[in-house]
Amino acid sequence: VVEGKVPDASTLRAIDRATDRAQTLPLARSASSVTDILRADAATDEGVLDVALAPTRGGDGLPESDGAALAAYLRLWQDPLWSTLVPFVATRDGTLTVIAVKLDLWEDQGQLTSLRAALMVQATRLGQELGPDYEVHAAGAPVNRASVVEQTVPDVVLSSLGVAACVFVVLALAWARGWRGLVAALGAVGVVLLACLLL
């Protein structure tokens, strides 16, 4: 996720390079961004329009100047076709865009953790390329799921120990008639911990 002035020539090229790099991420099947739509729009122009816009495009099919970048970006929102696609990767006001990565199915949670780490590296790199006026974040369902998976085990351990402690205190107070009551309380705590471990 990129927050900042999107329709800027240098910004678009940085996003385009990041889109190419995103295709090498673990589990990545493909990656796309607003630059793909801009390039497609440039490729489908015909006749006089194509000749008129030719001087404003670089060899990569993206606008060369900031003015041309803004004009091309605004034109996407007025086009009957592109205006239905561009909202998936950018906002109309040009202050936010995303690089969408399509993933293959993962087999274990470790792959999600590796993906999240790689995404964070790429986000940091893009942030350094764009500079302090931009904020770049690694986000999305796989990132959130990896965080949930990592936090699940500590949360389960903490809750299990809490339940076991409460069971011990309650039973110890209820059966505090000698060592047999304490043994029964410890046995009950053991059962709770064993059940949590098996879960």
C-alpha atoms as a PDB file:
ATOM      1  CA  VAL A   1       0.000   0.000   0.000  1.00  0.00           C
ATOM      2  CA  VAL A   2       1.458   3.356  -1.056  1.00  0.00           C
ATOM      3  CA  GLU A   3       0.163   6.605   0.432  1.00  0.00           C
ATOM      4  CA  GLY A   4       1.237   9.852  -1.205  1.00  0.00           C
ATOM      5  CA  LYS A   5       1.067  11.593  -4.562  1.00  0.00           C
ATOM      6  CA  VAL A   6       0.577   8.737  -7.006  1.00  0.00           C
ATOM      7  CA  PRO A   7       0.227  10.499 -10.409  1.00  0.00           C
ATOM      8  CA  ASP A   8       3.858  11.590 -10.512  1.00  0.00           C
ATOM      9  CA  ALA A   9       6.261  10.359 -13.206  1.00  0.00           C
ATOM     10  CA  SER A  10       9.042   9.204 -10.856  1.00  0.00           C
ATOM     11  CA  THR A  11       6.536   7.716  -8.401  1.00  0.00           C
ATOM     12  CA  LEU A  12       4.868   5.690 -11.135  1.00  0.00           C
ATOM     13  CA  ARG A  13       8.215   4.291 -12.246  1.00  0.00           C
ATOM     14  CA  ALA A  14       9.143   3.349  -8.690  1.00  0.00           C
ATOM     15  CA  ILE A  15       5.776   1.598  -8.308  1.00  0.00           C
ATOM     16  CA  ASP A  16       6.325  -0.132 -11.641  1.00  0.00           C
ATOM     17  CA  ARG A  17       9.723  -1.460 -10.521  1.00  0.00           C
ATOM     18  CA  ALA A  18       8.196  -2.618  -7.243  1.00  0.00           C
ATOM     19  CA  THR A  19       5.442  -4.403  -9.197  1.00  0.00           C
ATOM     20  CA  ASP A  20       8.100  -6.298 -11.147  1.00  0.00           C
ATOM     21  CA  ARG A  21       9.890  -7.238  -7.925  1.00  0.00           C
ATOM     22  CA  ALA A  22       6.617  -8.388  -6.356  1.00  0.00           C
ATOM     23  CA  GLN A  23       6.382 -11.135  -8.963  1.00  0.00           C
ATOM     24  CA  THR A  24       9.420 -12.784  -7.349  1.00  0.00           C
ATOM     25  CA  LEU A  25       7.850 -12.955  -3.869  1.00  0.00           C
ATOM     26  CA  PRO A  26       7.285 -16.383  -2.289  1.00  0.00           C
ATOM     27  CA  LEU A  27       3.952 -17.852  -3.446  1.00  0.00           C
ATOM     28  CA  ALA A  28       3.438 -14.992  -5.926  1.00  0.00           C
ATOM     29  CA  ARG A  29       1.651 -15.977  -9.133  1.00  0.00           C
ATOM     30  CA  SER A  30       1.368 -12.463 -10.557  1.00  0.00           C
ATOM     31  CA  ALA A  31       1.443  -8.806  -9.522  1.00  0.00           C
ATOM     32  CA  SER A  32      -0.290  -5.748 -10.934  1.00  0.00           C
ATOM     33  CA  SER A  33      -0.640  -2.051 -10.217  1.00  0.00           C
ATOM     34  CA  VAL A  34      -1.952   1.180 -11.663  1.00  0.00           C
ATOM     35  CA  THR A  35       1.069   1.305 -13.981  1.00  0.00           C
ATOM     36  CA  ASP A  36      -0.223  -1.764 -15.809  1.00  0.00           C
ATOM     37  CA  ILE A  37      -3.501   0.032 -16.503  1.00  0.00           C
ATOM     38  CA  LEU A  38      -1.669   3.180 -17.623  1.00  0.00           C
ATOM     39  CA  ARG A  39       0.466   1.113 -19.958  1.00  0.00           C
ATOM     40  CA  ALA A  40      -2.592  -0.706 -21.332  1.00  0.00           C
ATOM     41  CA  ASP A  41      -4.330   2.624 -21.888  1.00  0.00           C
ATOM     42  CA  ALA A  42      -1.303   3.905 -23.785  1.00  0.00           C
ATOM     43  CA  ALA A  43      -1.185   0.764 -25.922  1.00  0.00           C
ATOM     44  CA  THR A  44      -4.857   0.992 -26.900  1.00  0.00           C
ATOM     45  CA  ASP A  45      -4.772   4.640 -28.028  1.00  0.00           C
ATOM     46  CA  GLU A  46      -5.235   4.988 -31.770  1.00  0.00           C
ATOM     47  CA  GLY A  47      -4.816   7.514 -34.592  1.00  0.00           C
ATOM     48  CA  VAL A  48      -4.481  11.223 -33.759  1.00  0.00           C
ATOM     49  CA  LEU A  49      -4.706  10.588 -30.024  1.00  0.00           C
ATOM     50  CA  ASP A  50      -1.773   8.189 -30.191  1.00  0.00           C
ATOM     51  CA  VAL A  51       0.343  10.689 -32.143  1.00  0.00           C
ATOM     52  CA  ALA A  52      -0.542  13.521 -29.780  1.00  0.00           C
ATOM     53  CA  LEU A  53       0.418  11.560 -26.692  1.00  0.00           C
ATOM     54  CA  ALA A  54       3.537   9.911 -28.063  1.00  0.00           C
ATOM     55  CA  PRO A  55       5.972  12.675 -26.948  1.00  0.00           C
ATOM     56  CA  THR A  56       4.751  12.387 -23.341  1.00  0.00           C
ATOM     57  CA  ARG A  57       5.520   8.670 -22.997  1.00  0.00           C
ATOM     58  CA  GLY A  58       8.785   7.060 -22.078  1.00  0.00           C
ATOM     59  CA  GLY A  59      10.070   3.896 -23.670  1.00  0.00           C
ATOM     60  CA  ASP A  60       8.343   1.910 -20.915  1.00  0.00           C
ATOM     61  CA  GLY A  61       4.891   3.206 -21.905  1.00  0.00           C
ATOM     62  CA  LEU A  62       4.578   5.433 -18.829  1.00  0.00           C
ATOM     63  CA  PRO A  63       4.297   9.252 -18.860  1.00  0.00           C
ATOM     64  CA  GLU A  64       7.621  11.084 -18.731  1.00  0.00           C
ATOM     65  CA  SER A  65       6.551  14.301 -16.992  1.00  0.00           C
ATOM     66  CA  ASP A  66       4.493  14.956 -13.885  1.00  0.00           C
ATOM     67  CA  GLY A  67       1.900  16.860 -15.926  1.00  0.00           C
ATOM     68  CA  ALA A  68       1.542  14.012 -18.389  1.00  0.00           C
ATOM     69  CA  ALA A  69       1.317  11.539 -15.504  1.00  0.00           C
ATOM     70  CA  LEU A  70      -1.524  13.486 -13.890  1.00  0.00           C
ATOM     71  CA  ALA A  71      -3.379  13.830 -17.207  1.00  0.00           C
ATOM     72  CA  ALA A  72      -3.031  10.112 -17.949  1.00  0.00           C
ATOM     73  CA  TYR A  73      -4.148   9.202 -14.426  1.00  0.00           C
ATOM     74  CA  LEU A  74      -7.251  11.409 -14.621  1.00  0.00           C
ATOM     75  CA  ARG A  75      -8.060  10.038 -18.057  1.00  0.00           C
ATOM     76  CA  LEU A  76      -8.292   6.535 -16.595  1.00  0.00           C
ATOM     77  CA  TRP A  77     -11.211   7.628 -14.433  1.00  0.00           C
ATOM     78  CA  GLN A  78     -13.065   9.042 -17.433  1.00  0.00           C
ATOM     79  CA  ASP A  79     -12.624   5.992 -19.643  1.00  0.00           C
ATOM     80  CA  PRO A  80     -15.607   3.577 -19.679  1.00  0.00           C
ATOM     81  CA  LEU A  81     -13.331   0.528 -19.423  1.00  0.00           C
ATOM     82  CA  TRP A  82     -10.478   1.656 -17.181  1.00  0.00           C
ATOM     83  CA  SER A  83     -12.779   3.454 -14.746  1.00  0.00           C
ATOM     84  CA  THR A  84     -14.187   0.044 -13.762  1.00  0.00           C
ATOM     85  CA  LEU A  85     -10.722  -1.438 -13.146  1.00  0.00           C
ATOM     86  CA  VAL A  86      -8.607   1.317 -11.644  1.00  0.00           C
ATOM     87  CA  PRO A  87     -10.584   1.540  -8.341  1.00  0.00           C
ATOM     88  CA  PHE A  88      -9.183  -1.890  -7.474  1.00  0.00           C
ATOM     89  CA  VAL A  89      -5.639  -0.499  -7.342  1.00  0.00           C
ATOM     90  CA  ALA A  90      -5.899   3.260  -6.747  1.00  0.00           C
ATOM     91  CA  THR A  91      -8.077   6.066  -5.414  1.00  0.00           C
ATOM     92  CA  ARG A  92      -9.619   8.779  -7.563  1.00  0.00           C
ATOM     93  CA  ASP A  93      -7.807  11.579  -5.717  1.00  0.00           C
ATOM     94  CA  GLY A  94      -4.436   9.968  -6.438  1.00  0.00           C
ATOM     95  CA  THR A  95      -3.311   9.739  -2.821  1.00  0.00           C
ATOM     96  CA  LEU A  96      -3.292   5.951  -2.415  1.00  0.00           C
ATOM     97  CA  THR A  97      -2.474   2.963  -4.558  1.00  0.00           C
ATOM     98  CA  VAL A  98      -1.711  -0.701  -4.065  1.00  0.00           C
ATOM     99  CA  ILE A  99       0.385  -3.343  -5.716  1.00  0.00           C
ATOM    100  CA  ALA A 100      -1.944  -6.327  -5.923  1.00  0.00           C
ATOM    101  CA  VAL A 101      -0.230  -9.711  -5.653  1.00  0.00           C
ATOM    102  CA  LYS A 102      -2.070 -12.873  -6.644  1.00  0.00           C
ATOM    103  CA  LEU A 103      -0.836 -15.839  -4.612  1.00  0.00           C
ATOM    104  CA  ASP A 104      -0.688 -19.579  -5.025  1.00  0.00           C
ATOM    105  CA  LEU A 105      -2.237 -21.665  -2.254  1.00  0.00           C
ATOM    106  CA  TRP A 106       0.084 -22.207   0.702  1.00  0.00           C
ATOM    107  CA  GLU A 107       0.705 -25.574   2.303  1.00  0.00           C
ATOM    108  CA  ASP A 108       1.809 -24.481   5.752  1.00  0.00           C
ATOM    109  CA  GLN A 109       1.840 -21.388   7.911  1.00  0.00           C
ATOM    110  CA  GLY A 110       5.613 -21.064   7.607  1.00  0.00           C
ATOM    111  CA  GLN A 111       5.162 -20.026   3.992  1.00  0.00           C
ATOM    112  CA  LEU A 112       2.929 -17.153   5.104  1.00  0.00           C
ATOM    113  CA  THR A 113       5.571 -15.997   7.560  1.00  0.00           C
ATOM    114  CA  SER A 114       8.199 -16.041   4.794  1.00  0.00           C
ATOM    115  CA  LEU A 115       5.855 -14.140   2.494  1.00  0.00           C
ATOM    116  CA  ARG A 116       5.183 -11.486   5.122  1.00  0.00           C
ATOM    117  CA  ALA A 117       8.919 -11.013   5.732  1.00  0.00           C
ATOM    118  CA  ALA A 118       9.563 -10.646   1.986  1.00  0.00           C
ATOM    119  CA  LEU A 119       6.675  -8.185   1.639  1.00  0.00           C
ATOM    120  CA  MET A 120       8.055  -6.045   4.442  1.00  0.00           C
ATOM    121  CA  VAL A 121      11.479  -5.988   2.781  1.00  0.00           C
ATOM    122  CA  GLN A 122       9.909  -4.864  -0.500  1.00  0.00           C
ATOM    123  CA  ALA A 123       7.760  -2.254   1.246  1.00  0.00           C
ATOM    124  CA  THR A 124      10.821  -0.833   2.993  1.00  0.00           C
ATOM    125  CA  ARG A 125      12.730  -0.698  -0.279  1.00  0.00           C
ATOM    126  CA  LEU A 126       9.909   1.085  -2.100  1.00  0.00           C
ATOM    127  CA  GLY A 127       9.554   3.525   0.790  1.00  0.00           C
ATOM    128  CA  GLN A 128      13.249   4.378   0.523  1.00  0.00           C
ATOM    129  CA  GLU A 129      12.923   4.920  -3.238  1.00  0.00           C
ATOM    130  CA  LEU A 130       9.904   7.214  -2.861  1.00  0.00           C
ATOM    131  CA  GLY A 131      11.227   9.251   0.048  1.00  0.00           C
ATOM    132  CA  PRO A 132       9.792  10.758   3.244  1.00  0.00           C
ATOM    133  CA  ASP A 133       6.667  12.201   1.606  1.00  0.00           C
ATOM    134  CA  TYR A 134       5.300   8.691   1.122  1.00  0.00           C
ATOM    135  CA  GLU A 135       4.184   5.924   3.431  1.00  0.00           C
ATOM    136  CA  VAL A 136       4.495   2.349   2.261  1.00  0.00           C
ATOM    137  CA  HIS A 137       3.023  -0.633   4.124  1.00  0.00           C
ATOM    138  CA  ALA A 138       2.919  -4.386   3.629  1.00  0.00           C
ATOM    139  CA  ALA A 139      -0.739  -5.284   4.080  1.00  0.00           C
ATOM    140  CA  GLY A 140      -3.393  -7.785   3.113  1.00  0.00           C
ATOM    141  CA  ALA A 141      -4.981 -11.015   4.297  1.00  0.00           C
ATOM    142  CA  PRO A 142      -1.790 -13.155   4.201  1.00  0.00           C
ATOM    143  CA  VAL A 143       0.094 -10.589   6.294  1.00  0.00           C
ATOM    144  CA  ASN A 144      -2.711 -10.458   8.843  1.00  0.00           C
ATOM    145  CA  ARG A 145      -3.042 -14.232   8.917  1.00  0.00           C
ATOM    146  CA  ALA A 146       0.685 -14.709   9.505  1.00  0.00           C
ATOM    147  CA  SER A 147       0.476 -12.326  12.466  1.00  0.00           C
ATOM    148  CA  VAL A 148      -2.521 -14.171  13.875  1.00  0.00           C
ATOM    149  CA  VAL A 149      -0.747 -17.516  13.527  1.00  0.00           C
ATOM    150  CA  GLU A 150       2.329 -16.211  15.335  1.00  0.00           C
ATOM    151  CA  GLN A 151       0.259 -14.763  18.149  1.00  0.00           C
ATOM    152  CA  THR A 152      -2.015 -17.789  18.577  1.00  0.00           C
ATOM    153  CA  VAL A 153       0.456 -20.008  20.450  1.00  0.00           C
ATOM    154  CA  PRO A 154       1.434 -17.388  23.081  1.00  0.00           C
ATOM    155  CA  ASP A 155      -2.229 -16.495  23.563  1.00  0.00           C
ATOM    156  CA  VAL A 156      -3.238 -20.139  24.029  1.00  0.00           C
ATOM    157  CA  VAL A 157      -0.380 -20.733  26.490  1.00  0.00           C
ATOM    158  CA  LEU A 158      -1.298 -17.643  28.494  1.00  0.00           C
ATOM    159  CA  SER A 159      -4.992 -18.505  28.625  1.00  0.00           C
ATOM    160  CA  SER A 160      -4.262 -22.153  29.495  1.00  0.00           C
ATOM    161  CA  LEU A 161      -1.990 -21.196  32.366  1.00  0.00           C
ATOM    162  CA  GLY A 162      -4.575 -18.701  33.566  1.00  0.00           C
ATOM    163  CA  VAL A 163      -7.349 -21.302  33.524  1.00  0.00           C
ATOM    164  CA  ALA A 164      -5.127 -23.855  35.265  1.00  0.00           C
ATOM    165  CA  ALA A 165      -4.186 -21.366  37.973  1.00  0.00           C
ATOM    166  CA  CYS A 166      -7.831 -20.460  38.588  1.00  0.00           C
ATOM    167  CA  VAL A 167      -8.822 -24.140  38.762  1.00  0.00           C
ATOM    168  CA  PHE A 168      -6.031 -24.848  41.244  1.00  0.00           C
ATOM    169  CA  VAL A 169      -6.934 -21.934  43.510  1.00  0.00           C
ATOM    170  CA  VAL A 170     -10.647 -22.747  43.527  1.00  0.00           C
ATOM    171  CA  LEU A 171     -10.133 -26.464  44.147  1.00  0.00           C
ATOM    172  CA  ALA A 172      -7.397 -25.913  46.710  1.00  0.00           C
ATOM    173  CA  LEU A 173      -9.702 -23.615  48.674  1.00  0.00           C
ATOM    174  CA  ALA A 174     -12.627 -26.025  48.334  1.00  0.00           C
ATOM    175  CA  TRP A 175     -10.622 -29.094  49.306  1.00  0.00           C
ATOM    176  CA  ALA A 176      -8.128 -27.571  51.723  1.00  0.00           C
ATOM    177  CA  ARG A 177      -8.583 -30.352  54.262  1.00  0.00           C
ATOM    178  CA  GLY A 178      -5.152 -31.805  54.055  1.00  0.00           C
ATOM    179  CA  TRP A 179      -2.733 -33.119  51.489  1.00  0.00           C
ATOM    180  CA  ARG A 180      -5.364 -35.222  49.704  1.00  0.00           C
ATOM    181  CA  GLY A 181      -7.336 -32.120  48.756  1.00  0.00           C
ATOM    182  CA  LEU A 182      -4.221 -30.467  47.340  1.00  0.00           C
ATOM    183  CA  VAL A 183      -3.348 -33.608  45.382  1.00  0.00           C
ATOM    184  CA  ALA A 184      -6.853 -33.643  43.908  1.00  0.00           C
ATOM    185  CA  ALA A 185      -6.504 -29.978  42.984  1.00  0.00           C
ATOM    186  CA  LEU A 186      -3.135 -30.632  41.320  1.00  0.00           C
ATOM    187  CA  GLY A 187      -4.656 -33.586  39.460  1.00  0.00           C
ATOM    188  CA  ALA A 188      -7.454 -31.393  38.128  1.00  0.00           C
ATOM    189  CA  VAL A 189      -4.924 -28.768  37.025  1.00  0.00           C
ATOM    190  CA  GLY A 190      -2.948 -31.493  35.247  1.00  0.00           C
ATOM    191  CA  VAL A 191      -6.057 -32.600  33.394  1.00  0.00           C
ATOM    192  CA  VAL A 192      -6.756 -28.998  32.272  1.00  0.00           C
ATOM    193  CA  LEU A 193      -3.179 -28.511  31.073  1.00  0.00           C
ATOM    194  CA  LEU A 194      -3.172 -31.857  29.275  1.00  0.00           C
ATOM    195  CA  ALA A 195      -6.439 -30.999  27.525  1.00  0.00           C
ATOM    196  CA  CYS A 196      -5.016 -27.626  26.421  1.00  0.00           C
ATOM    197  CA  LEU A 197      -1.843 -29.292  25.183  1.00  0.00           C
ATOM    198  CA  LEU A 198      -3.805 -31.821  23.128  1.00  0.00           C
ATOM    199  CA  LEU A 199      -5.910 -29.038  21.622  1.00  0.00           C
END
